[in-house]
């Protein structure tokens, strides 16, 4: 009987070692987490592309997630999903949308964890208009790529708004050693690979857009890696919001609507997805850069934006928001990190 109990105990310990809840135990407790969000390009359009040599290099040098998906389409609901655990039934880029939901800022401040969001081409800290310059077709800063100012409890709070700042300030913060623990970076619409209908960065010149995005990564990743106070337990996540836009009406204009991990389901007959079903954001590139990630590693685990939020929550002991509480379908990014650090 004693031998049988011993065998059963070994079996149970083996099963528990693979449970999603215990997976989080292998995550490091991060000193800094940086999210750099690029735009509208699939993994296949970036990795190995001559216009994106730096992003390709980092994917090979550090940890790359080969099965990472956007949550849905278009841009704005992905930014909301990654910062609140749900797209809140939005599948629209309407810049007048506002969200009254618990979000990552609430989580971080409740646990006294510092945060700051850097927006390229933002004219001033706490700027609250939808575009800058004010013409939507030529604007460089667009609020749909700035999730923080879409939340009522950020945009209506002067102290919080003051933490949404122009990107130029990142250099001094890095030199002084005053980087926040959680950092969000949104390039402007020409540098994030999205582009504009005409000038200043036309959609039609997609190779130039990819090159601009790659140049952005090449400029700013070293600033972070050499920042005062940067440690082995600090990490940079580089990703796009969704796959490539190609005008395909069957999927609302996108290359596909592939997805996973609690992406929304749409009924048949919608303009977004006439056939109905899973409306994911398609497969996108995702790279983790830092001293604690596995080097030269490609993960086959299936992830989406919710995994980024759940990883931050589990590392720092935060409350799980929205669908990040679905630990069976939304995994942490633990597979990308070497253990122990």
Foldseek 3Di string as FASTA:
>chain_A
DVVVVVVVVVVVVVVVCPAQVVLLVLAALFQAEEEEAFAAAFAVVAAPDPLQPQVNVQCQFAEWEQFEFFLFDDQLLSVVCLWFVGSVPDRDLPLVAADAGDTNVNQCVVLVFWEAEAEAPPPFQLDQDQFPVPDPQAGFDGCSQVNQSRYPVQSVDVVNSNRHGHNVCLLVCQAVVNHTRYYYYYGTCQQSQNAGCDPPGHVVPSSSSSNSVSVVCVPPPVSNQNGVPADQSYKYKYKYNAHHFCQPQQQQRGPHQDDFQPRDWADACDSRHNHTGGRIRHHIIIGMDGNFFDTSHYDHDHAYSLQSNLSNCSSNVTDRGHSSVVSVTHHHPSVGGDPPD
